[in-house]
Amino acid sequence: MRYMLMSHIDTSGLAALSPDAREAAMERFVSFTRALADSGVLCGAEQLQPAETATTVRVRDEGALLTDGPYADLPESFGGFWIVRAPDLDTVLAYAADCPAAAYGSVEIRPLVELD
């Protein structure tokens, strides 16, 4: 089964780090992704631009409403994702616990709908 691990990061916590600590944190994300790829479970991964670059679209009776910025103003923002193939949720929980996003916010796990 495939699962998506979604990182929700408190960007103020990362911004408060020294430049060296911030660079080390980013390297942890690279190392985490590389470890998933090396183990053969990684199906895909992407980092997102900051939440303030988002545009939110809502369609209502009066048409499309566009809002600059994220859907909601929250302390944590969706920063990126990894799609992994794993035999069960317990395996994915172990991956999430190793994910650096868990130290700076949270990692949400969702099983993907398999269409085949």
PDB file of N, CA and C in Angstrom:
ATOM      1  N   MET A   1       0.844  -1.177   0.000  1.00  0.00           N
ATOM      2  CA  MET A   1       0.000   0.000   0.000  1.00  0.00           C
ATOM      3  C   MET A   1       0.886   1.236   0.000  1.00  0.00           C
ATOM      4  N   ARG A   2       0.372   2.289  -0.634  1.00  0.00           N
ATOM      5  CA  ARG A   2       1.099   3.557  -0.643  1.00  0.00           C
ATOM      6  C   ARG A   2       0.501   4.508   0.396  1.00  0.00           C
ATOM      7  N   TYR A   3       1.384   5.289   0.988  1.00  0.00           N
ATOM      8  CA  TYR A   3       1.002   6.265   1.998  1.00  0.00           C
ATOM      9  C   TYR A   3       1.658   7.598   1.669  1.00  0.00           C
ATOM     10  N   MET A   4       0.980   8.682   2.039  1.00  0.00           N
ATOM     11  CA  MET A   4       1.583  10.005   1.931  1.00  0.00           C
ATOM     12  C   MET A   4       1.926  10.490   3.330  1.00  0.00           C
ATOM     13  N   LEU A   5       3.158  10.927   3.489  1.00  0.00           N
ATOM     14  CA  LEU A   5       3.599  11.584   4.712  1.00  0.00           C
ATOM     15  C   LEU A   5       3.657  13.072   4.397  1.00  0.00           C
ATOM     16  N   MET A   6       2.867  13.874   5.104  1.00  0.00           N
ATOM     17  CA  MET A   6       2.803  15.305   4.851  1.00  0.00           C
ATOM     18  C   MET A   6       3.437  16.063   6.010  1.00  0.00           C
ATOM     19  N   SER A   7       4.404  16.900   5.686  1.00  0.00           N
ATOM     20  CA  SER A   7       5.062  17.674   6.731  1.00  0.00           C
ATOM     21  C   SER A   7       4.309  18.975   6.975  1.00  0.00           C
ATOM     22  N   HIS A   8       4.028  19.228   8.221  1.00  0.00           N
ATOM     23  CA  HIS A   8       3.420  20.478   8.660  1.00  0.00           C
ATOM     24  C   HIS A   8       4.443  21.120   9.592  1.00  0.00           C
ATOM     25  N   ILE A   9       5.026  22.227   9.150  1.00  0.00           N
ATOM     26  CA  ILE A   9       6.163  22.832   9.837  1.00  0.00           C
ATOM     27  C   ILE A   9       5.766  24.152  10.480  1.00  0.00           C
ATOM     28  N   ASP A  10       6.244  24.363  11.703  1.00  0.00           N
ATOM     29  CA  ASP A  10       6.124  25.664  12.354  1.00  0.00           C
ATOM     30  C   ASP A  10       7.295  26.497  11.847  1.00  0.00           C
ATOM     31  N   THR A  11       7.025  27.320  10.841  1.00  0.00           N
ATOM     32  CA  THR A  11       8.107  28.064  10.196  1.00  0.00           C
ATOM     33  C   THR A  11       8.767  29.071  11.130  1.00  0.00           C
ATOM     34  N   SER A  12       8.049  29.538  12.147  1.00  0.00           N
ATOM     35  CA  SER A  12       8.675  30.485  13.084  1.00  0.00           C
ATOM     36  C   SER A  12       9.778  29.789  13.879  1.00  0.00           C
ATOM     37  N   GLY A  13       9.597  28.492  14.167  1.00  0.00           N
ATOM     38  CA  GLY A  13      10.643  27.741  14.868  1.00  0.00           C
ATOM     39  C   GLY A  13      11.884  27.583  14.016  1.00  0.00           C
ATOM     40  N   LEU A  14      11.699  27.293  12.739  1.00  0.00           N
ATOM     41  CA  LEU A  14      12.849  27.182  11.835  1.00  0.00           C
ATOM     42  C   LEU A  14      13.514  28.534  11.636  1.00  0.00           C
ATOM     43  N   ALA A  15      12.714  29.590  11.528  1.00  0.00           N
ATOM     44  CA  ALA A  15      13.266  30.929  11.315  1.00  0.00           C
ATOM     45  C   ALA A  15      14.094  31.386  12.512  1.00  0.00           C
ATOM     46  N   ALA A  16      13.769  30.887  13.709  1.00  0.00           N
ATOM     47  CA  ALA A  16      14.489  31.287  14.914  1.00  0.00           C
ATOM     48  C   ALA A  16      15.854  30.606  15.039  1.00  0.00           C
ATOM     49  N   LEU A  17      16.113  29.593  14.227  1.00  0.00           N
ATOM     50  CA  LEU A  17      17.395  28.893  14.284  1.00  0.00           C
ATOM     51  C   LEU A  17      18.509  29.755  13.702  1.00  0.00           C
ATOM     52  N   SER A  18      19.709  29.508  14.165  1.00  0.00           N
ATOM     53  CA  SER A  18      20.869  30.173  13.566  1.00  0.00           C
ATOM     54  C   SER A  18      21.024  29.659  12.142  1.00  0.00           C
ATOM     55  N   PRO A  19      21.721  30.393  11.294  1.00  0.00           N
ATOM     56  CA  PRO A  19      21.918  29.915   9.914  1.00  0.00           C
ATOM     57  C   PRO A  19      22.546  28.513   9.854  1.00  0.00           C
ATOM     58  N   ASP A  20      23.501  28.232  10.718  1.00  0.00           N
ATOM     59  CA  ASP A  20      24.129  26.905  10.721  1.00  0.00           C
ATOM     60  C   ASP A  20      23.141  25.820  11.151  1.00  0.00           C
ATOM     61  N   ALA A  21      22.345  26.113  12.166  1.00  0.00           N
ATOM     62  CA  ALA A  21      21.355  25.135  12.636  1.00  0.00           C
ATOM     63  C   ALA A  21      20.263  24.924  11.590  1.00  0.00           C
ATOM     64  N   ARG A  22      19.877  25.996  10.886  1.00  0.00           N
ATOM     65  CA  ARG A  22      18.874  25.882   9.831  1.00  0.00           C
ATOM     66  C   ARG A  22      19.410  25.029   8.682  1.00  0.00           C
ATOM     67  N   GLU A  23      20.664  25.245   8.313  1.00  0.00           N
ATOM     68  CA  GLU A  23      21.276  24.437   7.254  1.00  0.00           C
ATOM     69  C   GLU A  23      21.359  22.965   7.667  1.00  0.00           C
ATOM     70  N   ALA A  24      21.685  22.714   8.929  1.00  0.00           N
ATOM     71  CA  ALA A  24      21.740  21.333   9.434  1.00  0.00           C
ATOM     72  C   ALA A  24      20.348  20.698   9.403  1.00  0.00           C
ATOM     73  N   ALA A  25      19.321  21.471   9.740  1.00  0.00           N
ATOM     74  CA  ALA A  25      17.946  20.957   9.704  1.00  0.00           C
ATOM     75  C   ALA A  25      17.557  20.603   8.273  1.00  0.00           C
ATOM     76  N   MET A  26      17.896  21.453   7.329  1.00  0.00           N
ATOM     77  CA  MET A  26      17.565  21.168   5.928  1.00  0.00           C
ATOM     78  C   MET A  26      18.317  19.932   5.435  1.00  0.00           C
ATOM     79  N   GLU A  27      19.542  19.756   5.890  1.00  0.00           N
ATOM     80  CA  GLU A  27      20.307  18.562   5.507  1.00  0.00           C
ATOM     81  C   GLU A  27      19.658  17.299   6.073  1.00  0.00           C
ATOM     82  N   ARG A  28      19.043  17.397   7.245  1.00  0.00           N
ATOM     83  CA  ARG A  28      18.324  16.251   7.803  1.00  0.00           C
ATOM     84  C   ARG A  28      17.164  15.842   6.896  1.00  0.00           C
ATOM     85  N   PHE A  29      16.477  16.814   6.302  1.00  0.00           N
ATOM     86  CA  PHE A  29      15.399  16.504   5.365  1.00  0.00           C
ATOM     87  C   PHE A  29      15.955  15.790   4.130  1.00  0.00           C
ATOM     88  N   VAL A  30      17.084  16.267   3.615  1.00  0.00           N
ATOM     89  CA  VAL A  30      17.715  15.633   2.453  1.00  0.00           C
ATOM     90  C   VAL A  30      18.142  14.212   2.799  1.00  0.00           C
ATOM     91  N   SER A  31      18.747  14.033   3.962  1.00  0.00           N
ATOM     92  CA  SER A  31      19.195  12.703   4.391  1.00  0.00           C
ATOM     93  C   SER A  31      18.020  11.753   4.585  1.00  0.00           C
ATOM     94  N   PHE A  32      16.935  12.255   5.160  1.00  0.00           N
ATOM     95  CA  PHE A  32      15.733  11.445   5.351  1.00  0.00           C
ATOM     96  C   PHE A  32      15.193  10.971   4.006  1.00  0.00           C
ATOM     97  N   THR A  33      15.085  11.895   3.057  1.00  0.00           N
ATOM     98  CA  THR A  33      14.573  11.548   1.731  1.00  0.00           C
ATOM     99  C   THR A  33      15.495  10.560   1.035  1.00  0.00           C
ATOM    100  N   ARG A  34      16.797  10.785   1.137  1.00  0.00           N
ATOM    101  CA  ARG A  34      17.777   9.880   0.530  1.00  0.00           C
ATOM    102  C   ARG A  34      17.671   8.484   1.136  1.00  0.00           C
ATOM    103  N   ALA A  35      17.470   8.390   2.453  1.00  0.00           N
ATOM    104  CA  ALA A  35      17.347   7.084   3.118  1.00  0.00           C
ATOM    105  C   ALA A  35      16.107   6.339   2.627  1.00  0.00           C
ATOM    106  N   LEU A  36      14.991   7.057   2.450  1.00  0.00           N
ATOM    107  CA  LEU A  36      13.789   6.417   1.906  1.00  0.00           C
ATOM    108  C   LEU A  36      14.052   5.909   0.491  1.00  0.00           C
ATOM    109  N   ALA A  37      14.714   6.724  -0.309  1.00  0.00           N
ATOM    110  CA  ALA A  37      15.009   6.321  -1.693  1.00  0.00           C
ATOM    111  C   ALA A  37      15.951   5.120  -1.713  1.00  0.00           C
ATOM    112  N   ASP A  38      16.996   5.151  -0.894  1.00  0.00           N
ATOM    113  CA  ASP A  38      17.970   4.053  -0.856  1.00  0.00           C
ATOM    114  C   ASP A  38      17.338   2.744  -0.406  1.00  0.00           C
ATOM    115  N   SER A  39      16.310   2.832   0.438  1.00  0.00           N
ATOM    116  CA  SER A  39      15.652   1.620   0.927  1.00  0.00           C
ATOM    117  C   SER A  39      14.635   1.072  -0.087  1.00  0.00           C
ATOM    118  N   GLY A  40      14.358   1.830  -1.143  1.00  0.00           N
ATOM    119  CA  GLY A  40      13.455   1.371  -2.183  1.00  0.00           C
ATOM    120  C   GLY A  40      11.980   1.607  -1.922  1.00  0.00           C
ATOM    121  N   VAL A  41      11.630   2.341  -0.857  1.00  0.00           N
ATOM    122  CA  VAL A  41      10.212   2.553  -0.542  1.00  0.00           C
ATOM    123  C   VAL A  41       9.660   3.876  -1.068  1.00  0.00           C
ATOM    124  N   LEU A  42      10.538   4.784  -1.470  1.00  0.00           N
ATOM    125  CA  LEU A  42      10.099   6.112  -1.897  1.00  0.00           C
ATOM    126  C   LEU A  42       9.509   6.067  -3.300  1.00  0.00           C
ATOM    127  N   CYS A  43       8.270   6.557  -3.429  1.00  0.00           N
ATOM    128  CA  CYS A  43       7.608   6.656  -4.739  1.00  0.00           C
ATOM    129  C   CYS A  43       7.668   8.077  -5.280  1.00  0.00           C
ATOM    130  N   GLY A  44       7.831   9.053  -4.408  1.00  0.00           N
ATOM    131  CA  GLY A  44       7.909  10.452  -4.824  1.00  0.00           C
ATOM    132  C   GLY A  44       7.991  11.366  -3.614  1.00  0.00           C
ATOM    133  N   ALA A  45       8.507  12.552  -3.832  1.00  0.00           N
ATOM    134  CA  ALA A  45       8.626  13.535  -2.757  1.00  0.00           C
ATOM    135  C   ALA A  45       8.783  14.914  -3.382  1.00  0.00           C
ATOM    136  N   GLU A  46       8.245  15.912  -2.724  1.00  0.00           N
ATOM    137  CA  GLU A  46       8.378  17.293  -3.189  1.00  0.00           C
ATOM    138  C   GLU A  46       8.370  18.242  -2.000  1.00  0.00           C
ATOM    139  N   GLN A  47       9.141  19.317  -2.102  1.00  0.00           N
ATOM    140  CA  GLN A  47       9.114  20.404  -1.139  1.00  0.00           C
ATOM    141  C   GLN A  47       8.293  21.526  -1.750  1.00  0.00           C
ATOM    142  N   LEU A  48       7.471  22.177  -0.949  1.00  0.00           N
ATOM    143  CA  LEU A  48       6.629  23.262  -1.429  1.00  0.00           C
ATOM    144  C   LEU A  48       7.272  24.613  -1.159  1.00  0.00           C
ATOM    145  N   GLN A  49       6.922  25.589  -1.981  1.00  0.00           N
ATOM    146  CA  GLN A  49       7.293  26.974  -1.703  1.00  0.00           C
ATOM    147  C   GLN A  49       6.570  27.390  -0.419  1.00  0.00           C
ATOM    148  N   PRO A  50       6.999  28.475   0.238  1.00  0.00           N
ATOM    149  CA  PRO A  50       6.342  28.904   1.489  1.00  0.00           C
ATOM    150  C   PRO A  50       4.843  29.161   1.304  1.00  0.00           C
ATOM    151  N   ALA A  51       4.098  29.006   2.389  1.00  0.00           N
ATOM    152  CA  ALA A  51       2.637  29.141   2.369  1.00  0.00           C
ATOM    153  C   ALA A  51       2.189  30.499   1.843  1.00  0.00           C
ATOM    154  N   GLU A  52       2.959  31.540   2.086  1.00  0.00           N
ATOM    155  CA  GLU A  52       2.540  32.870   1.627  1.00  0.00           C
ATOM    156  C   GLU A  52       2.542  32.992   0.095  1.00  0.00           C
ATOM    157  N   THR A  53       3.108  32.017  -0.618  1.00  0.00           N
ATOM    158  CA  THR A  53       3.063  32.048  -2.086  1.00  0.00           C
ATOM    159  C   THR A  53       1.802  31.376  -2.638  1.00  0.00           C
ATOM    160  N   ALA A  54       0.979  30.822  -1.761  1.00  0.00           N
ATOM    161  CA  ALA A  54      -0.219  30.084  -2.186  1.00  0.00           C
ATOM    162  C   ALA A  54      -1.304  31.017  -2.699  1.00  0.00           C
ATOM    163  N   THR A  55      -2.157  30.473  -3.537  1.00  0.00           N
ATOM    164  CA  THR A  55      -3.408  31.114  -3.944  1.00  0.00           C
ATOM    165  C   THR A  55      -4.513  30.101  -3.699  1.00  0.00           C
ATOM    166  N   THR A  56      -5.550  30.501  -2.992  1.00  0.00           N
ATOM    167  CA  THR A  56      -6.666  29.619  -2.676  1.00  0.00           C
ATOM    168  C   THR A  56      -7.856  29.978  -3.559  1.00  0.00           C
ATOM    169  N   VAL A  57      -8.477  28.974  -4.153  1.00  0.00           N
ATOM    170  CA  VAL A  57      -9.624  29.167  -5.037  1.00  0.00           C
ATOM    171  C   VAL A  57     -10.848  28.524  -4.401  1.00  0.00           C
ATOM    172  N   ARG A  58     -11.929  29.280  -4.348  1.00  0.00           N
ATOM    173  CA  ARG A  58     -13.221  28.766  -3.897  1.00  0.00           C
ATOM    174  C   ARG A  58     -14.248  29.133  -4.961  1.00  0.00           C
ATOM    175  N   VAL A  59     -15.085  28.201  -5.353  1.00  0.00           N
ATOM    176  CA  VAL A  59     -16.151  28.494  -6.311  1.00  0.00           C
ATOM    177  C   VAL A  59     -17.465  28.522  -5.540  1.00  0.00           C
ATOM    178  N   ARG A  60     -18.147  29.641  -5.623  1.00  0.00           N
ATOM    179  CA  ARG A  60     -19.430  29.839  -4.977  1.00  0.00           C
ATOM    180  C   ARG A  60     -20.429  30.308  -6.034  1.00  0.00           C
ATOM    181  N   ASP A  61     -21.632  30.620  -5.620  1.00  0.00           N
ATOM    182  CA  ASP A  61     -22.670  31.051  -6.558  1.00  0.00           C
ATOM    183  C   ASP A  61     -22.228  32.224  -7.430  1.00  0.00           C
ATOM    184  N   GLU A  62     -21.446  33.121  -6.846  1.00  0.00           N
ATOM    185  CA  GLU A  62     -21.025  34.309  -7.595  1.00  0.00           C
ATOM    186  C   GLU A  62     -19.777  34.055  -8.433  1.00  0.00           C
ATOM    187  N   GLY A  63     -19.273  32.852  -8.438  1.00  0.00           N
ATOM    188  CA  GLY A  63     -18.115  32.508  -9.269  1.00  0.00           C
ATOM    189  C   GLY A  63     -16.901  32.160  -8.431  1.00  0.00           C
ATOM    190  N   ALA A  64     -15.767  32.200  -9.088  1.00  0.00           N
ATOM    191  CA  ALA A  64     -14.510  31.840  -8.421  1.00  0.00           C
ATOM    192  C   ALA A  64     -14.029  32.995  -7.544  1.00  0.00           C
ATOM    193  N   LEU A  65     -13.706  32.674  -6.317  1.00  0.00           N
ATOM    194  CA  LEU A  65     -13.138  33.641  -5.383  1.00  0.00           C
ATOM    195  C   LEU A  65     -11.685  33.260  -5.148  1.00  0.00           C
ATOM    196  N   LEU A  66     -10.769  34.190  -5.393  1.00  0.00           N
ATOM    197  CA  LEU A  66      -9.351  33.942  -5.222  1.00  0.00           C
ATOM    198  C   LEU A  66      -8.855  34.665  -3.979  1.00  0.00           C
ATOM    199  N   THR A  67      -8.040  33.986  -3.200  1.00  0.00           N
ATOM    200  CA  THR A  67      -7.444  34.578  -2.014  1.00  0.00           C
ATOM    201  C   THR A  67      -5.951  34.325  -2.061  1.00  0.00           C
ATOM    202  N   ASP A  68      -5.173  35.380  -1.874  1.00  0.00           N
ATOM    203  CA  ASP A  68      -3.731  35.195  -1.774  1.00  0.00           C
ATOM    204  C   ASP A  68      -3.422  34.563  -0.429  1.00  0.00           C
ATOM    205  N   GLY A  69      -2.514  33.601  -0.445  1.00  0.00           N
ATOM    206  CA  GLY A  69      -2.101  32.957   0.786  1.00  0.00           C
ATOM    207  C   GLY A  69      -2.795  31.627   1.002  1.00  0.00           C
ATOM    208  N   PRO A  70      -2.478  30.988   2.104  1.00  0.00           N
ATOM    209  CA  PRO A  70      -3.014  29.645   2.367  1.00  0.00           C
ATOM    210  C   PRO A  70      -4.492  29.683   2.739  1.00  0.00           C
ATOM    211  N   TYR A  71      -5.090  28.503   2.764  1.00  0.00           N
ATOM    212  CA  TYR A  71      -6.507  28.348   3.102  1.00  0.00           C
ATOM    213  C   TYR A  71      -6.806  28.881   4.496  1.00  0.00           C
ATOM    214  N   ALA A  72      -5.922  28.583   5.443  1.00  0.00           N
ATOM    215  CA  ALA A  72      -6.130  29.018   6.826  1.00  0.00           C
ATOM    216  C   ALA A  72      -4.824  29.558   7.381  1.00  0.00           C
ATOM    217  N   ASP A  73      -4.919  30.523   8.269  1.00  0.00           N
ATOM    218  CA  ASP A  73      -3.737  31.093   8.909  1.00  0.00           C
ATOM    219  C   ASP A  73      -3.453  30.288  10.171  1.00  0.00           C
ATOM    220  N   LEU A  74      -2.550  29.341  10.063  1.00  0.00           N
ATOM    221  CA  LEU A  74      -2.212  28.446  11.169  1.00  0.00           C
ATOM    222  C   LEU A  74      -0.733  28.581  11.507  1.00  0.00           C
ATOM    223  N   PRO A  75      -0.331  28.217  12.726  1.00  0.00           N
ATOM    224  CA  PRO A  75       1.092  28.303  13.066  1.00  0.00           C
ATOM    225  C   PRO A  75       1.953  27.331  12.253  1.00  0.00           C
ATOM    226  N   GLU A  76       1.372  26.204  11.834  1.00  0.00           N
ATOM    227  CA  GLU A  76       2.100  25.243  11.017  1.00  0.00           C
ATOM    228  C   GLU A  76       1.585  25.335   9.587  1.00  0.00           C
ATOM    229  N   SER A  77       2.478  25.147   8.621  1.00  0.00           N
ATOM    230  CA  SER A  77       2.041  25.137   7.233  1.00  0.00           C
ATOM    231  C   SER A  77       2.537  23.862   6.554  1.00  0.00           C
ATOM    232  N   PHE A  78       1.807  23.458   5.532  1.00  0.00           N
ATOM    233  CA  PHE A  78       2.137  22.268   4.760  1.00  0.00           C
ATOM    234  C   PHE A  78       3.396  22.578   3.965  1.00  0.00           C
ATOM    235  N   GLY A  79       4.482  21.839   4.239  1.00  0.00           N
ATOM    236  CA  GLY A  79       5.772  22.165   3.636  1.00  0.00           C
ATOM    237  C   GLY A  79       6.235  21.223   2.552  1.00  0.00           C
ATOM    238  N   GLY A  80       5.678  20.025   2.511  1.00  0.00           N
ATOM    239  CA  GLY A  80       6.098  19.065   1.508  1.00  0.00           C
ATOM    240  C   GLY A  80       5.545  17.695   1.833  1.00  0.00           C
ATOM    241  N   PHE A  81       5.903  16.728   0.979  1.00  0.00           N
ATOM    242  CA  PHE A  81       5.362  15.391   1.185  1.00  0.00           C
ATOM    243  C   PHE A  81       6.299  14.328   0.626  1.00  0.00           C
ATOM    244  N   TRP A  82       6.099  13.127   1.115  1.00  0.00           N
ATOM    245  CA  TRP A  82       6.768  11.928   0.636  1.00  0.00           C
ATOM    246  C   TRP A  82       5.687  10.884   0.393  1.00  0.00           C
ATOM    247  N   ILE A  83       5.764  10.187  -0.707  1.00  0.00           N
ATOM    248  CA  ILE A  83       4.877   9.052  -0.954  1.00  0.00           C
ATOM    249  C   ILE A  83       5.743   7.804  -0.856  1.00  0.00           C
ATOM    250  N   VAL A  84       5.338   6.901   0.035  1.00  0.00           N
ATOM    251  CA  VAL A  84       6.111   5.679   0.263  1.00  0.00           C
ATOM    252  C   VAL A  84       5.219   4.457   0.070  1.00  0.00           C
ATOM    253  N   ARG A  85       5.853   3.356  -0.263  1.00  0.00           N
ATOM    254  CA  ARG A  85       5.159   2.075  -0.354  1.00  0.00           C
ATOM    255  C   ARG A  85       5.580   1.278   0.886  1.00  0.00           C
ATOM    256  N   ALA A  86       4.588   0.786   1.629  1.00  0.00           N
ATOM    257  CA  ALA A  86       4.875   0.059   2.866  1.00  0.00           C
ATOM    258  C   ALA A  86       3.824  -1.018   3.083  1.00  0.00           C
ATOM    259  N   PRO A  87       4.200  -2.090   3.790  1.00  0.00           N
ATOM    260  CA  PRO A  87       3.251  -3.184   3.996  1.00  0.00           C
ATOM    261  C   PRO A  87       2.133  -2.855   4.973  1.00  0.00           C
ATOM    262  N   ASP A  88       2.391  -1.871   5.882  1.00  0.00           N
ATOM    263  CA  ASP A  88       1.373  -1.586   6.900  1.00  0.00           C
ATOM    264  C   ASP A  88       1.631  -0.225   7.538  1.00  0.00           C
ATOM    265  N   LEU A  89       0.658   0.239   8.293  1.00  0.00           N
ATOM    266  CA  LEU A  89       0.746   1.539   8.949  1.00  0.00           C
ATOM    267  C   LEU A  89       1.884   1.584   9.959  1.00  0.00           C
ATOM    268  N   ASP A  90       2.134   0.499  10.684  1.00  0.00           N
ATOM    269  CA  ASP A  90       3.209   0.507  11.674  1.00  0.00           C
ATOM    270  C   ASP A  90       4.555   0.842  11.038  1.00  0.00           C
ATOM    271  N   THR A  91       4.794   0.339   9.842  1.00  0.00           N
ATOM    272  CA  THR A  91       6.043   0.640   9.137  1.00  0.00           C
ATOM    273  C   THR A  91       6.119   2.127   8.815  1.00  0.00           C
ATOM    274  N   VAL A  92       4.999   2.692   8.357  1.00  0.00           N
ATOM    275  CA  VAL A  92       4.966   4.113   8.000  1.00  0.00           C
ATOM    276  C   VAL A  92       5.098   4.987   9.247  1.00  0.00           C
ATOM    277  N   LEU A  93       4.545   4.546  10.354  1.00  0.00           N
ATOM    278  CA  LEU A  93       4.703   5.296  11.603  1.00  0.00           C
ATOM    279  C   LEU A  93       6.171   5.405  11.986  1.00  0.00           C
ATOM    280  N   ALA A  94       6.936   4.366  11.744  1.00  0.00           N
ATOM    281  CA  ALA A  94       8.383   4.404  12.018  1.00  0.00           C
ATOM    282  C   ALA A  94       9.069   5.411  11.095  1.00  0.00           C
ATOM    283  N   TYR A  95       8.666   5.444   9.813  1.00  0.00           N
ATOM    284  CA  TYR A  95       9.231   6.444   8.901  1.00  0.00           C
ATOM    285  C   TYR A  95       8.910   7.848   9.403  1.00  0.00           C
ATOM    286  N   ALA A  96       7.661   8.077   9.790  1.00  0.00           N
ATOM    287  CA  ALA A  96       7.243   9.405  10.253  1.00  0.00           C
ATOM    288  C   ALA A  96       8.004   9.838  11.492  1.00  0.00           C
ATOM    289  N   ALA A  97       8.291   8.904  12.381  1.00  0.00           N
ATOM    290  CA  ALA A  97       9.041   9.240  13.587  1.00  0.00           C
ATOM    291  C   ALA A  97      10.471   9.658  13.254  1.00  0.00           C
ATOM    292  N   ASP A  98      11.016   9.150  12.143  1.00  0.00           N
ATOM    293  CA  ASP A  98      12.366   9.525  11.706  1.00  0.00           C
ATOM    294  C   ASP A  98      12.375  10.817  10.900  1.00  0.00           C
ATOM    295  N   CYS A  99      11.217  11.275  10.470  1.00  0.00           N
ATOM    296  CA  CYS A  99      11.129  12.460   9.618  1.00  0.00           C
ATOM    297  C   CYS A  99      11.457  13.716  10.432  1.00  0.00           C
ATOM    298  N   PRO A 100      12.355  14.559   9.943  1.00  0.00           N
ATOM    299  CA  PRO A 100      12.697  15.778  10.681  1.00  0.00           C
ATOM    300  C   PRO A 100      11.513  16.713  10.902  1.00  0.00           C
ATOM    301  N   ALA A 101      10.499  16.635  10.057  1.00  0.00           N
ATOM    302  CA  ALA A 101       9.323  17.500  10.236  1.00  0.00           C
ATOM    303  C   ALA A 101       8.657  17.253  11.581  1.00  0.00           C
ATOM    304  N   ALA A 102       8.755  16.043  12.096  1.00  0.00           N
ATOM    305  CA  ALA A 102       8.150  15.730  13.392  1.00  0.00           C
ATOM    306  C   ALA A 102       8.783  16.549  14.516  1.00  0.00           C
ATOM    307  N   ALA A 103      10.030  16.951  14.338  1.00  0.00           N
ATOM    308  CA  ALA A 103      10.717  17.753  15.357  1.00  0.00           C
ATOM    309  C   ALA A 103      10.388  19.240  15.251  1.00  0.00           C
ATOM    310  N   TYR A 104       9.877  19.675  14.101  1.00  0.00           N
ATOM    311  CA  TYR A 104       9.579  21.089  13.876  1.00  0.00           C
ATOM    312  C   TYR A 104       8.103  21.355  13.680  1.00  0.00           C
ATOM    313  N   GLY A 105       7.286  20.360  13.880  1.00  0.00           N
ATOM    314  CA  GLY A 105       5.848  20.484  13.685  1.00  0.00           C
ATOM    315  C   GLY A 105       5.218  19.116  13.801  1.00  0.00           C
ATOM    316  N   SER A 106       4.708  18.595  12.684  1.00  0.00           N
ATOM    317  CA  SER A 106       4.074  17.285  12.715  1.00  0.00           C
ATOM    318  C   SER A 106       4.171  16.627  11.344  1.00  0.00           C
ATOM    319  N   VAL A 107       3.928  15.328  11.337  1.00  0.00           N
ATOM    320  CA  VAL A 107       3.863  14.563  10.095  1.00  0.00           C
ATOM    321  C   VAL A 107       2.506  13.866  10.071  1.00  0.00           C
ATOM    322  N   GLU A 108       1.697  14.214   9.098  1.00  0.00           N
ATOM    323  CA  GLU A 108       0.389  13.579   8.922  1.00  0.00           C
ATOM    324  C   GLU A 108       0.552  12.447   7.922  1.00  0.00           C
ATOM    325  N   ILE A 109      -0.032  11.301   8.233  1.00  0.00           N
ATOM    326  CA  ILE A 109       0.053  10.128   7.370  1.00  0.00           C
ATOM    327  C   ILE A 109      -1.327   9.814   6.850  1.00  0.00           C
ATOM    328  N   ARG A 110      -1.408   9.576   5.529  1.00  0.00           N
ATOM    329  CA  ARG A 110      -2.673   9.150   4.950  1.00  0.00           C
ATOM    330  C   ARG A 110      -2.412   8.055   3.926  1.00  0.00           C
ATOM    331  N   PRO A 111      -3.214   6.996   3.979  1.00  0.00           N
ATOM    332  CA  PRO A 111      -3.117   5.989   2.927  1.00  0.00           C
ATOM    333  C   PRO A 111      -3.690   6.564   1.632  1.00  0.00           C
ATOM    334  N   LEU A 112      -3.090   6.205   0.520  1.00  0.00           N
ATOM    335  CA  LEU A 112      -3.572   6.652  -0.786  1.00  0.00           C
ATOM    336  C   LEU A 112      -4.611   5.656  -1.309  1.00  0.00           C
ATOM    337  N   VAL A 113      -5.547   6.141  -2.068  1.00  0.00           N
ATOM    338  CA  VAL A 113      -6.530   5.283  -2.712  1.00  0.00           C
ATOM    339  C   VAL A 113      -5.829   4.591  -3.879  1.00  0.00           C
ATOM    340  N   GLU A 114      -5.864   3.277  -3.879  1.00  0.00           N
ATOM    341  CA  GLU A 114      -5.252   2.515  -4.948  1.00  0.00           C
ATOM    342  C   GLU A 114      -6.301   2.301  -6.031  1.00  0.00           C
ATOM    343  N   LEU A 115      -6.001   2.727  -7.252  1.00  0.00           N
ATOM    344  CA  LEU A 115      -6.973   2.673  -8.333  1.00  0.00           C
ATOM    345  C   LEU A 115      -6.828   1.434  -9.210  1.00  0.00           C
ATOM    346  N   ASP A 116      -5.823   0.608  -8.977  1.00  0.00           N
ATOM    347  CA  ASP A 116      -5.652  -0.587  -9.828  1.00  0.00           C
ATOM    348  C   ASP A 116      -6.282  -1.790  -9.221  1.00  0.00           C
TER     349      ASP A 116
END
